[in-house]
Amino acid sequence: MTAAQMMRAFVGRGLALPRGDRRGDLRWQPATVSAVTAILKNPAYAGAFVYGRAWQKPSQKQSRRSSRT
């Protein structure tokens, strides 16, 4: 799906996007292609940052039960 298609979907459903104005106030405005593109390029929305999560492959020692004789 392209940014233009996403913008048309937002507008068609009557959804607005938050946009900051020159004074720093937040306003909800109809979606534009540039607004959708900015959201998609934002690393936080793209999933580049996940707070408090780390992926780690389990080691063999952790995944196997150790048997003591």
Protein backbone atom coordinates (compact mmCIF):
# COMPACT_ATOMS: atom_id res chain seq x y z
CA MET A 1 0.00 0.00 0.00
CA THR A 2 1.43 3.39 -0.93
CA ALA A 3 1.33 6.52 1.22
CA ALA A 4 -1.25 8.03 -1.16
CA GLN A 5 -3.48 4.97 -0.78
CA MET A 6 -3.17 5.18 3.00
CA MET A 7 -4.03 8.88 2.89
CA ARG A 8 -7.14 8.15 0.81
CA ALA A 9 -8.16 5.41 3.28
CA PHE A 10 -7.81 7.81 6.24
CA VAL A 11 -9.76 10.57 4.46
CA GLY A 12 -12.40 8.12 3.25
CA ARG A 13 -13.02 6.95 6.82
CA GLY A 14 -13.03 10.49 8.20
CA LEU A 15 -9.90 9.93 10.31
CA ALA A 16 -7.62 12.82 11.20
CA LEU A 17 -3.92 12.83 12.04
CA PRO A 18 -2.25 14.85 14.80
CA ARG A 19 -0.13 17.69 13.42
CA GLY A 20 1.87 20.35 15.18
CA ASP A 21 1.45 23.95 14.13
CA ARG A 22 4.01 26.77 14.19
CA ARG A 23 3.35 27.54 17.85
CA GLY A 24 3.78 23.90 18.87
CA ASP A 25 0.09 23.28 19.49
CA LEU A 26 -1.39 19.96 18.46
CA ARG A 27 -4.18 19.99 15.90
CA TRP A 28 -6.08 17.12 14.34
CA GLN A 29 -6.22 17.61 10.58
CA PRO A 30 -7.21 15.52 7.57
CA ALA A 31 -4.45 13.20 6.39
CA THR A 32 -2.03 14.32 3.70
CA VAL A 33 0.52 12.28 1.79
CA SER A 34 3.34 14.15 3.49
CA ALA A 35 1.87 13.50 6.96
CA VAL A 36 1.48 9.77 6.27
CA THR A 37 5.01 9.57 4.85
CA ALA A 38 6.42 11.36 7.90
CA ILE A 39 4.71 8.87 10.22
CA LEU A 40 5.96 5.87 8.24
CA LYS A 41 9.53 7.20 8.22
CA ASN A 42 9.51 7.90 11.96
CA PRO A 43 11.69 5.19 13.58
CA ALA A 44 9.38 4.94 16.59
CA TYR A 45 6.37 4.08 14.41
CA ALA A 46 8.47 1.86 12.15
CA GLY A 47 9.33 -0.36 15.11
CA ALA A 48 13.01 0.53 15.37
CA PHE A 49 12.67 1.25 19.08
CA VAL A 50 11.11 -1.14 21.54
CA TYR A 51 11.62 -0.06 25.12
CA GLY A 52 12.72 -2.76 27.52
CA ARG A 53 12.80 -5.65 25.08
CA ALA A 54 15.76 -7.62 23.89
CA TRP A 55 15.87 -10.73 21.79
CA GLN A 56 18.23 -13.42 22.89
CA LYS A 57 18.63 -16.92 21.52
CA PRO A 58 18.42 -19.45 24.34
CA SER A 59 21.61 -21.35 24.90
CA GLN A 60 21.71 -25.12 24.78
CA LYS A 61 22.39 -25.28 28.50
CA GLN A 62 19.19 -23.41 29.25
CA SER A 63 17.03 -25.40 26.86
CA ARG A 64 18.19 -28.88 27.95
CA ARG A 65 17.62 -30.42 31.31
CA SER A 66 20.81 -31.38 33.01
CA SER A 67 20.87 -34.82 34.58
CA ARG A 68 23.06 -35.43 37.56
CA THR A 69 24.20 -38.91 38.48
